[in-house]
């Protein structure tokens, strides 16, 4: 469980760092359209999503996304995808990153009360 906790900490660090980066909002929106998404289009491959941010942003965001990618590499021991899927962008963990039209204020208010 220590790797899960470490990943949790890094994802919270990323969430805290993004609002402080002036280019982050546009870059996150671009990442939503340019990274591996699944049947639920708001679910993105965590490694692929972080890789995109890592290549486009600097500073704390770049550092933390690199650390997240390393953690994903270290913790996923097996990954199977559909035969027609692009296996190169599937790394075994997904993250929920909805676009504005994929969520609503009620959903977001419910996420806000989750214990982080």
C-alpha atoms as a PDB file:
ATOM      1  CA  UNK A   1       0.000   0.000   0.000  1.00  0.00           C
ATOM      2  CA  UNK A   2       2.918   2.388   0.378  1.00  0.00           C
ATOM      3  CA  UNK A   3       3.094   2.883  -3.407  1.00  0.00           C
ATOM      4  CA  UNK A   4      -0.627   3.696  -3.537  1.00  0.00           C
ATOM      5  CA  UNK A   5      -0.197   6.238  -0.751  1.00  0.00           C
ATOM      6  CA  UNK A   6       2.837   7.748  -2.487  1.00  0.00           C
ATOM      7  CA  UNK A   7       0.838   8.041  -5.714  1.00  0.00           C
ATOM      8  CA  UNK A   8      -2.052   9.623  -3.830  1.00  0.00           C
ATOM      9  CA  UNK A   9       0.289  12.214  -2.330  1.00  0.00           C
ATOM     10  CA  UNK A  10       1.784  13.052  -5.739  1.00  0.00           C
ATOM     11  CA  UNK A  11      -1.622  13.390  -7.408  1.00  0.00           C
ATOM     12  CA  UNK A  12      -2.661  15.807  -4.649  1.00  0.00           C
ATOM     13  CA  UNK A  13       0.591  17.729  -5.220  1.00  0.00           C
ATOM     14  CA  UNK A  14      -0.192  17.914  -8.936  1.00  0.00           C
ATOM     15  CA  UNK A  15      -3.729  19.129  -8.225  1.00  0.00           C
ATOM     16  CA  UNK A  16      -2.304  21.831  -5.947  1.00  0.00           C
ATOM     17  CA  UNK A  17       0.393  22.880  -8.443  1.00  0.00           C
ATOM     18  CA  UNK A  18      -1.802  23.216 -11.528  1.00  0.00           C
ATOM     19  CA  UNK A  19      -3.720  26.357 -10.454  1.00  0.00           C
ATOM     20  CA  UNK A  20      -0.396  28.127  -9.819  1.00  0.00           C
ATOM     21  CA  UNK A  21       0.804  27.593 -13.394  1.00  0.00           C
ATOM     22  CA  UNK A  22      -0.629  30.168 -15.796  1.00  0.00           C
ATOM     23  CA  UNK A  23      -0.382  27.796 -18.775  1.00  0.00           C
ATOM     24  CA  UNK A  24      -1.923  24.830 -16.968  1.00  0.00           C
ATOM     25  CA  UNK A  25      -5.606  25.342 -17.775  1.00  0.00           C
ATOM     26  CA  UNK A  26      -5.036  25.436 -21.528  1.00  0.00           C
ATOM     27  CA  UNK A  27      -2.551  22.570 -21.317  1.00  0.00           C
ATOM     28  CA  UNK A  28      -4.907  20.364 -19.296  1.00  0.00           C
ATOM     29  CA  UNK A  29      -7.647  21.023 -21.846  1.00  0.00           C
ATOM     30  CA  UNK A  30      -5.251  20.063 -24.631  1.00  0.00           C
ATOM     31  CA  UNK A  31      -4.225  16.942 -22.702  1.00  0.00           C
ATOM     32  CA  UNK A  32      -7.862  15.903 -22.460  1.00  0.00           C
ATOM     33  CA  UNK A  33      -7.985  15.750 -26.237  1.00  0.00           C
ATOM     34  CA  UNK A  34      -4.498  14.390 -26.850  1.00  0.00           C
ATOM     35  CA  UNK A  35      -4.042  11.589 -24.329  1.00  0.00           C
ATOM     36  CA  UNK A  36      -5.388   8.057 -24.129  1.00  0.00           C
ATOM     37  CA  UNK A  37      -9.030   8.050 -23.035  1.00  0.00           C
ATOM     38  CA  UNK A  38     -11.180   4.993 -22.479  1.00  0.00           C
ATOM     39  CA  UNK A  39     -14.854   4.032 -22.866  1.00  0.00           C
ATOM     40  CA  UNK A  40     -15.657   6.831 -20.428  1.00  0.00           C
ATOM     41  CA  UNK A  41     -13.944   9.688 -22.221  1.00  0.00           C
ATOM     42  CA  UNK A  42     -13.274  11.478 -18.932  1.00  0.00           C
ATOM     43  CA  UNK A  43     -10.986   8.599 -17.860  1.00  0.00           C
ATOM     44  CA  UNK A  44      -7.443   9.081 -19.125  1.00  0.00           C
ATOM     45  CA  UNK A  45      -4.391   6.903 -18.837  1.00  0.00           C
ATOM     46  CA  UNK A  46      -2.587   8.465 -15.858  1.00  0.00           C
ATOM     47  CA  UNK A  47       0.917   7.993 -17.258  1.00  0.00           C
ATOM     48  CA  UNK A  48      -0.026   9.309 -20.712  1.00  0.00           C
ATOM     49  CA  UNK A  49      -1.826  12.311 -19.188  1.00  0.00           C
ATOM     50  CA  UNK A  50       1.167  13.144 -16.962  1.00  0.00           C
ATOM     51  CA  UNK A  51       3.581  12.635 -19.849  1.00  0.00           C
ATOM     52  CA  UNK A  52       1.700  15.221 -21.900  1.00  0.00           C
ATOM     53  CA  UNK A  53       1.750  17.738 -19.034  1.00  0.00           C
ATOM     54  CA  UNK A  54       5.404  16.948 -18.357  1.00  0.00           C
ATOM     55  CA  UNK A  55       6.363  17.804 -21.947  1.00  0.00           C
ATOM     56  CA  UNK A  56       4.335  21.023 -22.071  1.00  0.00           C
ATOM     57  CA  UNK A  57       4.758  22.571 -18.604  1.00  0.00           C
ATOM     58  CA  UNK A  58       7.734  23.396 -16.401  1.00  0.00           C
ATOM     59  CA  UNK A  59       8.558  23.829 -12.729  1.00  0.00           C
ATOM     60  CA  UNK A  60       6.622  21.995 -10.047  1.00  0.00           C
ATOM     61  CA  UNK A  61       4.140  20.487 -12.499  1.00  0.00           C
ATOM     62  CA  UNK A  62       6.946  19.010 -14.576  1.00  0.00           C
ATOM     63  CA  UNK A  63       8.672  17.613 -11.483  1.00  0.00           C
ATOM     64  CA  UNK A  64       5.535  16.066  -9.997  1.00  0.00           C
ATOM     65  CA  UNK A  65       4.327  14.564 -13.274  1.00  0.00           C
ATOM     66  CA  UNK A  66       7.733  12.940 -13.697  1.00  0.00           C
ATOM     67  CA  UNK A  67       7.459  11.483 -10.206  1.00  0.00           C
ATOM     68  CA  UNK A  68       3.957  10.175 -10.952  1.00  0.00           C
ATOM     69  CA  UNK A  69       5.168   8.484 -14.147  1.00  0.00           C
ATOM     70  CA  UNK A  70       7.980   6.802 -12.205  1.00  0.00           C
ATOM     71  CA  UNK A  71       5.515   5.584  -9.560  1.00  0.00           C
ATOM     72  CA  UNK A  72       3.191   4.165 -12.229  1.00  0.00           C
ATOM     73  CA  UNK A  73       6.123   2.359 -13.862  1.00  0.00           C
ATOM     74  CA  UNK A  74       7.131   0.918 -10.480  1.00  0.00           C
ATOM     75  CA  UNK A  75       3.687  -0.195  -9.348  1.00  0.00           C
ATOM     76  CA  UNK A  76       1.934  -1.649 -12.397  1.00  0.00           C
ATOM     77  CA  UNK A  77       3.160  -5.202 -12.803  1.00  0.00           C
ATOM     78  CA  UNK A  78       0.733  -6.338 -15.504  1.00  0.00           C
ATOM     79  CA  UNK A  79      -1.380  -4.482 -18.020  1.00  0.00           C
ATOM     80  CA  UNK A  80      -3.684  -5.994 -20.600  1.00  0.00           C
ATOM     81  CA  UNK A  81      -5.635  -4.030 -23.170  1.00  0.00           C
ATOM     82  CA  UNK A  82      -8.078  -4.857 -25.906  1.00  0.00           C
ATOM     83  CA  UNK A  83      -6.369  -6.253 -29.020  1.00  0.00           C
ATOM     84  CA  UNK A  84      -7.343  -3.198 -31.064  1.00  0.00           C
ATOM     85  CA  UNK A  85      -6.180  -0.697 -28.435  1.00  0.00           C
ATOM     86  CA  UNK A  86      -3.016   1.354 -28.777  1.00  0.00           C
ATOM     87  CA  UNK A  87      -0.986  -0.589 -26.228  1.00  0.00           C
ATOM     88  CA  UNK A  88       1.793   1.995 -26.163  1.00  0.00           C
ATOM     89  CA  UNK A  89      -0.370   4.567 -24.427  1.00  0.00           C
ATOM     90  CA  UNK A  90      -1.916   2.173 -21.889  1.00  0.00           C
ATOM     91  CA  UNK A  91       0.023   1.982 -18.651  1.00  0.00           C
ATOM     92  CA  UNK A  92      -2.452   0.337 -16.279  1.00  0.00           C
ATOM     93  CA  UNK A  93      -3.941   3.225 -14.273  1.00  0.00           C
ATOM     94  CA  UNK A  94      -6.547   5.797 -15.262  1.00  0.00           C
ATOM     95  CA  UNK A  95      -7.491   9.146 -13.782  1.00  0.00           C
ATOM     96  CA  UNK A  96     -10.833  10.967 -13.947  1.00  0.00           C
ATOM     97  CA  UNK A  97     -10.326  14.314 -15.717  1.00  0.00           C
ATOM     98  CA  UNK A  98     -13.692  15.446 -17.090  1.00  0.00           C
ATOM     99  CA  UNK A  99     -14.221  18.236 -19.578  1.00  0.00           C
ATOM    100  CA  UNK A 100     -16.842  20.828 -18.664  1.00  0.00           C
ATOM    101  CA  UNK A 101     -19.458  19.087 -20.806  1.00  0.00           C
ATOM    102  CA  UNK A 102     -18.741  15.716 -19.130  1.00  0.00           C
ATOM    103  CA  UNK A 103     -19.757  16.794 -15.634  1.00  0.00           C
ATOM    104  CA  UNK A 104     -21.999  19.246 -13.806  1.00  0.00           C
ATOM    105  CA  UNK A 105     -21.963  21.368 -10.667  1.00  0.00           C
ATOM    106  CA  UNK A 106     -23.773  18.698  -8.631  1.00  0.00           C
ATOM    107  CA  UNK A 107     -21.142  16.061  -9.507  1.00  0.00           C
ATOM    108  CA  UNK A 108     -18.327  18.483  -8.755  1.00  0.00           C
ATOM    109  CA  UNK A 109     -19.826  19.446  -5.380  1.00  0.00           C
ATOM    110  CA  UNK A 110     -20.009  15.755  -4.448  1.00  0.00           C
ATOM    111  CA  UNK A 111     -16.340  15.257  -5.394  1.00  0.00           C
ATOM    112  CA  UNK A 112     -15.425  18.288  -3.295  1.00  0.00           C
ATOM    113  CA  UNK A 113     -16.561  16.575  -0.075  1.00  0.00           C
ATOM    114  CA  UNK A 114     -14.553  13.392  -0.642  1.00  0.00           C
ATOM    115  CA  UNK A 115     -11.806  12.863   1.889  1.00  0.00           C
ATOM    116  CA  UNK A 116      -8.484  13.488   0.236  1.00  0.00           C
END
